[in-house]
Protein backbone atom coordinates (compact mmCIF):
# COMPACT_ATOMS: atom_id res chain seq x y z
CA MET A 1 0.00 0.00 0.00
CA ALA A 2 1.29 3.47 -0.90
CA ILE A 3 1.60 6.26 1.65
CA LEU A 4 1.15 9.87 0.60
CA ILE A 5 2.62 12.45 2.96
CA GLY A 6 1.80 16.14 3.09
CA ILE A 7 -1.01 18.47 2.08
CA HIS A 8 -0.16 18.99 -1.59
CA PRO A 9 0.38 15.32 -2.61
CA VAL A 10 -2.79 14.23 -0.80
CA LYS A 11 -4.87 17.08 -2.23
CA GLU A 12 -3.71 16.35 -5.79
CA ALA A 13 -4.42 12.63 -5.35
CA LEU A 14 -7.95 13.40 -4.16
CA ALA A 15 -8.53 15.96 -6.92
CA ALA A 16 -7.35 13.46 -9.55
CA GLY A 17 -9.72 10.80 -8.24
CA ARG A 18 -6.97 8.41 -7.18
CA SER A 19 -8.17 5.41 -5.21
CA LEU A 20 -7.40 6.11 -1.55
CA ASP A 21 -8.23 3.81 1.33
CA ARG A 22 -8.22 6.49 4.02
CA VAL A 23 -6.88 9.92 4.91
CA LEU A 24 -5.57 10.83 8.35
CA VAL A 25 -5.66 14.42 9.59
CA ALA A 26 -3.94 15.48 12.80
CA LYS A 27 -6.30 16.54 15.58
CA GLY A 28 -6.14 20.30 16.00
CA ALA A 29 -4.86 20.92 12.44
CA GLY A 30 -6.83 23.63 10.67
CA GLY A 31 -6.82 26.31 8.03
CA PRO A 32 -8.16 26.53 4.46
CA ARG A 33 -5.78 23.94 3.03
CA ILE A 34 -6.76 21.34 5.62
CA GLN A 35 -10.43 22.17 5.06
CA GLU A 36 -9.93 21.58 1.34
CA ILE A 37 -8.62 18.08 2.12
CA VAL A 38 -11.62 17.42 4.35
CA ASP A 39 -14.06 18.63 1.68
CA LEU A 40 -12.42 16.54 -1.05
CA CYS A 41 -12.58 13.43 1.16
CA ARG A 42 -16.29 13.95 1.67
CA GLN A 43 -16.93 14.63 -2.01
CA ASN A 44 -14.99 11.51 -3.04
CA LYS A 45 -16.38 9.37 -0.21
CA VAL A 46 -12.89 8.63 1.10
CA ALA A 47 -12.65 7.57 4.74
CA LEU A 48 -11.39 10.47 6.86
CA ARG A 49 -10.01 10.07 10.37
CA PHE A 50 -8.78 12.66 12.84
CA GLU A 51 -5.97 11.19 14.93
CA PRO A 52 -3.29 12.45 17.33
CA ARG A 53 -0.26 13.93 15.59
CA GLU A 54 1.87 11.18 17.13
CA SER A 55 -0.12 8.60 15.15
CA LEU A 56 0.66 10.45 11.89
CA ASP A 57 4.31 10.68 12.91
CA ARG A 58 4.43 6.90 13.19
CA SER A 59 2.67 6.37 9.86
CA ALA A 60 4.81 8.86 7.95
CA GLY A 61 8.14 8.00 9.55
CA ALA A 62 10.24 9.86 12.05
CA ASN A 63 11.89 12.23 9.56
CA ALA A 64 8.90 12.98 7.32
CA ARG A 65 7.17 16.37 7.36
CA HIS A 66 3.55 15.37 6.91
CA GLN A 67 1.99 18.81 7.63
CA GLY A 68 -0.79 17.08 9.52
CA VAL A 69 -2.00 14.96 6.58
CA VAL A 70 -1.23 11.35 5.62
CA ALA A 71 -3.12 9.17 3.12
CA PHE A 72 -3.07 5.46 2.32
CA GLY A 73 -3.96 4.10 -1.10
CA ALA A 74 -3.09 1.83 -3.98
CA GLU A 75 0.41 1.92 -5.42
CA LYS A 76 1.00 4.18 -8.41
CA GLU A 77 -0.07 2.29 -11.52
CA TYR A 78 2.64 2.13 -14.16
CA GLN A 79 1.67 2.30 -17.83
CA GLN A 80 2.89 0.56 -20.98
CA ILE A 81 4.88 2.23 -23.77
CA ASP A 82 2.05 1.71 -26.24
CA GLU A 83 -0.22 3.74 -23.95
CA VAL A 84 2.01 6.84 -24.04
CA VAL A 85 3.22 6.86 -27.66
CA GLY A 86 1.82 9.96 -29.30
CA GLY A 87 2.85 12.61 -26.80
CA ASP A 88 5.20 15.24 -28.24
CA LEU A 89 7.79 14.79 -25.46
CA ILE A 90 8.87 11.66 -23.61
CA VAL A 91 11.42 11.85 -20.78
CA VAL A 92 13.57 8.76 -20.22
CA LEU A 93 15.68 8.34 -17.08
CA ASP A 94 18.71 6.06 -17.25
CA GLY A 95 19.04 4.83 -13.68
CA VAL A 96 18.16 7.81 -11.47
CA GLU A 97 18.50 6.52 -7.91
CA ASP A 98 17.71 9.53 -5.73
CA PRO A 99 13.97 9.79 -4.96
CA HIS A 100 14.18 13.57 -4.55
CA ASN A 101 15.68 13.86 -8.04
CA LEU A 102 12.98 11.63 -9.53
CA GLY A 103 10.26 13.64 -7.82
CA ALA A 104 11.72 16.94 -9.04
CA ILE A 105 12.02 15.61 -12.61
CA LEU A 106 8.41 14.40 -12.56
CA ARG A 107 7.33 17.87 -11.50
CA THR A 108 9.34 19.50 -14.28
CA ALA A 109 8.14 17.00 -16.89
CA SER A 110 4.55 17.71 -15.93
CA ALA A 111 5.16 21.47 -16.05
CA VAL A 112 6.47 21.37 -19.64
CA GLY A 113 3.66 19.09 -20.84
CA ALA A 114 5.62 15.87 -21.30
CA GLY A 115 3.56 12.85 -22.30
CA ALA A 116 5.30 10.43 -19.93
CA VAL A 117 8.40 9.63 -17.92
CA VAL A 118 10.07 6.26 -18.53
CA ILE A 119 12.20 4.58 -15.84
CA PRO A 120 13.98 1.20 -15.70
CA GLU A 121 12.93 -1.58 -13.35
CA ARG A 122 16.43 -2.27 -12.05
CA ARG A 123 19.14 -0.07 -10.54
CA ALA A 124 16.79 2.89 -10.29
CA VAL A 125 14.33 4.30 -7.80
CA GLY A 126 10.64 3.59 -8.31
CA VAL A 127 7.69 5.60 -7.07
CA THR A 128 7.89 5.96 -3.29
CA GLU A 129 6.33 8.31 -0.75
CA THR A 130 9.50 10.42 -0.89
CA VAL A 131 9.15 10.69 -4.67
CA ALA A 132 5.49 11.67 -4.30
CA LYS A 133 6.36 14.39 -1.76
CA ALA A 134 9.17 15.79 -3.94
CA ALA A 135 6.89 15.77 -6.99
CA ALA A 136 4.49 18.08 -5.11
CA GLY A 137 1.35 16.66 -6.74
CA ALA A 138 2.76 16.07 -10.24
CA LEU A 139 2.66 12.32 -9.67
CA GLU A 140 -1.08 12.40 -10.27
CA HIS A 141 -0.78 14.19 -13.61
CA ILE A 142 1.94 12.45 -15.61
CA PRO A 143 2.07 8.81 -16.74
CA ILE A 144 5.06 6.75 -15.63
CA VAL A 145 6.28 3.77 -17.64
CA ARG A 146 8.59 1.22 -16.02
CA VAL A 147 10.49 -1.03 -18.45
CA ASN A 148 12.79 -4.01 -18.18
CA ASN A 149 15.10 -2.93 -21.04
CA LEU A 150 15.68 0.77 -21.61
CA ALA A 151 17.53 0.33 -24.92
CA GLN A 152 14.63 -1.67 -26.36
CA ALA A 153 12.23 1.01 -25.16
CA LEU A 154 14.20 3.65 -27.06
CA GLU A 155 14.01 1.52 -30.21
CA LYS A 156 10.23 1.35 -29.84
CA PHE A 157 10.05 5.12 -29.67
CA LYS A 158 12.28 5.41 -32.74
CA LYS A 159 9.98 3.12 -34.69
CA ALA A 160 7.07 5.32 -33.61
CA GLY A 161 8.74 8.35 -35.21
CA TYR A 162 10.57 9.91 -32.28
CA TRP A 163 14.11 11.35 -32.34
CA ILE A 164 16.25 10.54 -29.30
CA TYR A 165 18.28 13.28 -27.55
CA GLY A 166 20.67 12.13 -24.83
CA LEU A 167 22.04 14.67 -22.36
CA ASP A 168 25.75 13.98 -21.96
CA GLU A 169 28.64 16.22 -20.88
CA ARG A 170 30.66 14.78 -23.79
CA GLY A 171 28.05 15.77 -26.35
CA LYS A 172 29.27 18.10 -29.10
CA LEU A 173 25.96 19.91 -29.54
CA SER A 174 24.87 22.53 -27.01
CA TYR A 175 21.30 21.93 -25.82
CA ASP A 176 20.21 25.43 -26.90
CA ASN A 177 21.42 24.75 -30.44
CA ALA A 178 19.58 21.46 -30.70
CA ASP A 179 16.65 21.63 -33.10
CA PHE A 180 14.26 19.39 -31.21
CA ALA A 181 11.97 17.36 -33.41
CA GLU A 182 8.20 17.55 -33.08
CA LYS A 183 8.33 14.08 -31.48
CA SER A 184 11.26 14.09 -29.05
CA VAL A 185 12.60 11.72 -26.42
CA VAL A 186 15.01 13.34 -23.94
CA VAL A 187 17.24 10.87 -22.08
CA LEU A 188 18.85 11.85 -18.77
CA GLY A 189 21.56 9.80 -17.08
CA ALA A 190 22.01 8.75 -13.49
CA GLU A 191 23.69 10.75 -10.78
CA GLY A 192 27.46 10.43 -11.04
CA HIS A 193 28.12 8.31 -14.13
CA GLY A 194 25.55 9.75 -16.56
CA LEU A 195 24.32 7.69 -19.50
CA HIS A 196 25.31 4.05 -19.84
CA GLU A 197 27.26 3.36 -23.02
CA LYS A 198 24.52 1.24 -24.58
CA ILE A 199 22.02 4.03 -24.00
CA ARG A 200 24.41 6.67 -25.36
CA SER A 201 24.82 4.70 -28.57
CA ALA A 202 21.04 4.39 -28.94
CA CYS A 203 20.61 8.18 -29.01
CA ASP A 204 20.32 10.05 -32.31
CA PHE A 205 21.93 13.17 -30.80
CA LEU A 206 24.07 13.84 -27.74
CA VAL A 207 23.62 17.31 -26.30
CA ARG A 208 25.37 19.03 -23.43
CA ILE A 209 24.87 21.99 -21.11
CA PRO A 210 27.95 24.25 -21.46
CA MET A 211 29.68 24.77 -18.11
CA SER A 212 31.94 27.71 -17.31
CA GLY A 213 33.33 26.62 -13.94
CA PRO A 214 35.39 23.61 -12.83
CA ILE A 215 32.32 21.42 -12.15
CA PRO A 216 31.70 19.29 -15.28
CA SER A 217 27.99 18.66 -14.81
CA LEU A 218 24.82 19.63 -12.95
CA ASN A 219 22.51 17.72 -10.68
CA VAL A 220 20.25 15.63 -12.94
CA SER A 221 17.03 17.33 -11.82
CA VAL A 222 18.53 20.78 -12.46
CA ALA A 223 19.79 19.66 -15.87
CA ALA A 224 16.34 18.29 -16.65
CA GLY A 225 14.76 21.66 -15.91
CA ILE A 226 17.15 23.49 -18.24
CA VAL A 227 16.79 21.14 -21.20
CA LEU A 228 13.07 20.40 -20.90
CA PHE A 229 12.11 24.05 -20.66
CA ASP A 230 14.25 24.77 -23.72
CA TRP A 231 12.24 22.09 -25.52
CA LYS A 232 9.11 23.97 -24.40
CA ARG A 233 10.60 27.30 -25.60
CA GLN A 234 11.18 25.81 -29.04
CA ARG A 235 7.57 24.66 -29.11
CA GLY A 236 6.47 28.24 -28.60
CA ASN A 237 5.41 27.62 -24.96
CA LYS A 238 2.36 25.73 -26.18
């Protein structure tokens, strides 16, 4: 069972009609945002319980900031590649392991209008409560595809008419000079080692973010924001 922690993730899950088993609200918690949660629970006929804050602390974990709201529901349902083919932009993540990075990338991908985010089954983080919190509600608005073989997934997108752009510090083409195709797949590598060689070779283009200082690369979620919003700029902010 999935746990959603915090006001924004729970509100977005309720607003999106996600199947939730129950929502816990800390006794004494109030304000318009808490009232919105309460109203959405009643509208959606989701069980709502007011419990001591200590009970929410135990459910969320000692280090989690739940803001007085915790929800329990079904795990995030992953989709198949065939279900997401057709969107103008697909974001593929080659082994991102940090849940905060995955959550931030999901939020950015949703903000630019991406059709889906694709992640591998192995050696990568899946959807967790930490990812949901970092995504700040975006988890409910963007499809996620989890695949066994990332290289084969890229080939499927190629056959469907997409061009593949891998972000790599060794790329010769600056991201802002890349002429993104109408159907684009942007591939982002893992923290530390970047794209795996097999994935690099599957890309049609390798693009880089020019760096002026001694640090050769950016955090993957920051890099995602730069490149994906440039894709959006080229699309005329549509």
